[in-house]
Amino acid sequence: MAESGSWRKITIHADGGCDGNPGPGGWAALLRYGNHVRELTGGEPATTNNRVELPAAISALKSLKEACEVTLFTDSEYRRGGNLMVVLRRRR
């Protein structure tokens, strides 16, 4: 495992939302590394706010090609409450 000082520092902004709850929903994630920016998006025709919050963060993390130091920004209490880590552990 690399020393944390040698890991790339990635910033991720992730969010999701619905028009109605449930209703049509979408998510987006913005990844930044230095001057490089990558946008990821997705959606569901019938979903809930919590269900579209998770894919934003999961898709961003899964898109990383190597171990990185990640700072994840979210406005979701659901995601901040540890549910993201439970989902990621189950997907291993």
C-alpha atoms as a PDB file:
ATOM      1  CA  MET A   1       0.000   0.000   0.000  1.00  0.00           C
ATOM      2  CA  ALA A   2       1.292   3.436  -0.905  1.00  0.00           C
ATOM      3  CA  GLU A   3       2.107   6.037   1.700  1.00  0.00           C
ATOM      4  CA  SER A   4      -0.845   8.421   2.058  1.00  0.00           C
ATOM      5  CA  GLY A   5       1.463  11.298   1.088  1.00  0.00           C
ATOM      6  CA  SER A   6       1.938   9.728  -2.349  1.00  0.00           C
ATOM      7  CA  TRP A   7      -1.769   9.160  -3.069  1.00  0.00           C
ATOM      8  CA  ARG A   8      -3.527  11.449  -5.514  1.00  0.00           C
ATOM      9  CA  LYS A   9      -5.874  13.867  -3.795  1.00  0.00           C
ATOM     10  CA  ILE A  10      -9.317  13.718  -5.401  1.00  0.00           C
ATOM     11  CA  THR A  11     -12.260  15.949  -4.508  1.00  0.00           C
ATOM     12  CA  ILE A  12     -15.752  14.612  -5.214  1.00  0.00           C
ATOM     13  CA  HIS A  13     -19.004  16.584  -5.067  1.00  0.00           C
ATOM     14  CA  ALA A  14     -21.991  14.233  -5.280  1.00  0.00           C
ATOM     15  CA  ASP A  15     -25.723  14.879  -5.176  1.00  0.00           C
ATOM     16  CA  GLY A  16     -29.023  13.358  -6.179  1.00  0.00           C
ATOM     17  CA  GLY A  17     -32.648  14.395  -6.103  1.00  0.00           C
ATOM     18  CA  CYS A  18     -36.180  13.641  -7.255  1.00  0.00           C
ATOM     19  CA  ASP A  19     -39.142  15.521  -8.624  1.00  0.00           C
ATOM     20  CA  GLY A  20     -41.509  14.150  -6.020  1.00  0.00           C
ATOM     21  CA  ASN A  21     -40.481  11.471  -3.551  1.00  0.00           C
ATOM     22  CA  PRO A  22     -40.920   8.968  -5.114  1.00  0.00           C
ATOM     23  CA  GLY A  23     -40.678  10.290  -8.633  1.00  0.00           C
ATOM     24  CA  PRO A  24     -38.238  10.694 -11.513  1.00  0.00           C
ATOM     25  CA  GLY A  25     -34.772  11.340 -10.146  1.00  0.00           C
ATOM     26  CA  GLY A  26     -31.213  11.954 -11.147  1.00  0.00           C
ATOM     27  CA  TRP A  27     -27.741  12.137  -9.706  1.00  0.00           C
ATOM     28  CA  ALA A  28     -24.435  13.749 -10.576  1.00  0.00           C
ATOM     29  CA  ALA A  29     -20.877  13.588  -9.337  1.00  0.00           C
ATOM     30  CA  LEU A  30     -18.044  15.974 -10.090  1.00  0.00           C
ATOM     31  CA  LEU A  31     -14.495  14.670  -9.590  1.00  0.00           C
ATOM     32  CA  ARG A  32     -11.519  17.037  -9.450  1.00  0.00           C
ATOM     33  CA  TYR A  33      -7.822  16.237  -9.543  1.00  0.00           C
ATOM     34  CA  GLY A  34      -5.673  19.308 -10.083  1.00  0.00           C
ATOM     35  CA  ASN A  35      -6.927  20.916 -13.305  1.00  0.00           C
ATOM     36  CA  HIS A  36      -8.715  17.736 -14.389  1.00  0.00           C
ATOM     37  CA  VAL A  37     -12.505  17.561 -13.997  1.00  0.00           C
ATOM     38  CA  ARG A  38     -14.787  14.628 -14.711  1.00  0.00           C
ATOM     39  CA  GLU A  39     -18.586  14.649 -14.583  1.00  0.00           C
ATOM     40  CA  LEU A  40     -20.730  11.545 -14.037  1.00  0.00           C
ATOM     41  CA  THR A  41     -24.534  11.511 -14.266  1.00  0.00           C
ATOM     42  CA  GLY A  42     -27.418   9.080 -14.146  1.00  0.00           C
ATOM     43  CA  GLY A  43     -31.086   8.798 -13.392  1.00  0.00           C
ATOM     44  CA  GLU A  44     -34.103   6.614 -12.704  1.00  0.00           C
ATOM     45  CA  PRO A  45     -37.671   7.065 -13.974  1.00  0.00           C
ATOM     46  CA  ALA A  46     -39.223   6.261 -10.568  1.00  0.00           C
ATOM     47  CA  THR A  47     -37.084   6.432  -7.435  1.00  0.00           C
ATOM     48  CA  THR A  48     -36.610   8.137  -4.058  1.00  0.00           C
ATOM     49  CA  ASN A  49     -34.161  10.786  -2.878  1.00  0.00           C
ATOM     50  CA  ASN A  50     -32.141   8.270  -0.854  1.00  0.00           C
ATOM     51  CA  ARG A  51     -31.920   5.834  -3.767  1.00  0.00           C
ATOM     52  CA  VAL A  52     -30.374   8.449  -6.084  1.00  0.00           C
ATOM     53  CA  GLU A  53     -28.028   9.865  -3.451  1.00  0.00           C
ATOM     54  CA  LEU A  54     -26.029   6.629  -3.223  1.00  0.00           C
ATOM     55  CA  PRO A  55     -25.230   6.056  -6.937  1.00  0.00           C
ATOM     56  CA  ALA A  56     -23.684   9.519  -7.189  1.00  0.00           C
ATOM     57  CA  ALA A  57     -21.014   8.705  -4.605  1.00  0.00           C
ATOM     58  CA  ILE A  58     -20.648   5.031  -5.518  1.00  0.00           C
ATOM     59  CA  SER A  59     -20.182   5.759  -9.233  1.00  0.00           C
ATOM     60  CA  ALA A  60     -17.585   8.414  -8.467  1.00  0.00           C
ATOM     61  CA  LEU A  61     -15.616   6.099  -6.175  1.00  0.00           C
ATOM     62  CA  LYS A  62     -15.855   3.166  -8.585  1.00  0.00           C
ATOM     63  CA  SER A  63     -14.522   5.338 -11.417  1.00  0.00           C
ATOM     64  CA  LEU A  64     -11.184   5.809  -9.615  1.00  0.00           C
ATOM     65  CA  LYS A  65      -8.473   3.693 -11.230  1.00  0.00           C
ATOM     66  CA  GLU A  66      -6.158   3.556  -8.210  1.00  0.00           C
ATOM     67  CA  ALA A  67      -6.134   4.172  -4.473  1.00  0.00           C
ATOM     68  CA  CYS A  68      -6.601   7.882  -3.790  1.00  0.00           C
ATOM     69  CA  GLU A  69      -7.087  10.246  -0.896  1.00  0.00           C
ATOM     70  CA  VAL A  70     -10.707  11.292  -1.369  1.00  0.00           C
ATOM     71  CA  THR A  71     -12.629  14.233   0.042  1.00  0.00           C
ATOM     72  CA  LEU A  72     -16.343  13.664  -0.571  1.00  0.00           C
ATOM     73  CA  PHE A  73     -18.783  16.563  -0.296  1.00  0.00           C
ATOM     74  CA  THR A  74     -22.459  15.745   0.160  1.00  0.00           C
ATOM     75  CA  ASP A  75     -25.608  17.346   1.511  1.00  0.00           C
ATOM     76  CA  SER A  76     -27.147  13.943   2.230  1.00  0.00           C
ATOM     77  CA  GLU A  77     -27.577  12.932   5.871  1.00  0.00           C
ATOM     78  CA  TYR A  78     -28.363   9.423   4.590  1.00  0.00           C
ATOM     79  CA  ARG A  79     -24.999   9.139   2.846  1.00  0.00           C
ATOM     80  CA  ARG A  80     -23.093  10.860   5.661  1.00  0.00           C
ATOM     81  CA  GLY A  81     -24.703   8.550   8.210  1.00  0.00           C
ATOM     82  CA  GLY A  82     -22.540   5.614   7.169  1.00  0.00           C
ATOM     83  CA  ASN A  83     -24.904   3.984   4.699  1.00  0.00           C
ATOM     84  CA  LEU A  84     -22.441   4.520   1.848  1.00  0.00           C
ATOM     85  CA  MET A  85     -19.766   2.471   3.631  1.00  0.00           C
ATOM     86  CA  VAL A  86     -22.219  -0.363   4.291  1.00  0.00           C
ATOM     87  CA  VAL A  87     -23.166  -0.473   0.600  1.00  0.00           C
ATOM     88  CA  LEU A  88     -19.537  -0.401  -0.529  1.00  0.00           C
ATOM     89  CA  ARG A  89     -18.584  -3.247   1.837  1.00  0.00           C
ATOM     90  CA  ARG A  90     -21.457  -5.384   0.534  1.00  0.00           C
ATOM     91  CA  ARG A  91     -20.346  -4.831  -3.084  1.00  0.00           C
ATOM     92  CA  ARG A  92     -16.799  -6.131  -2.529  1.00  0.00           C
END
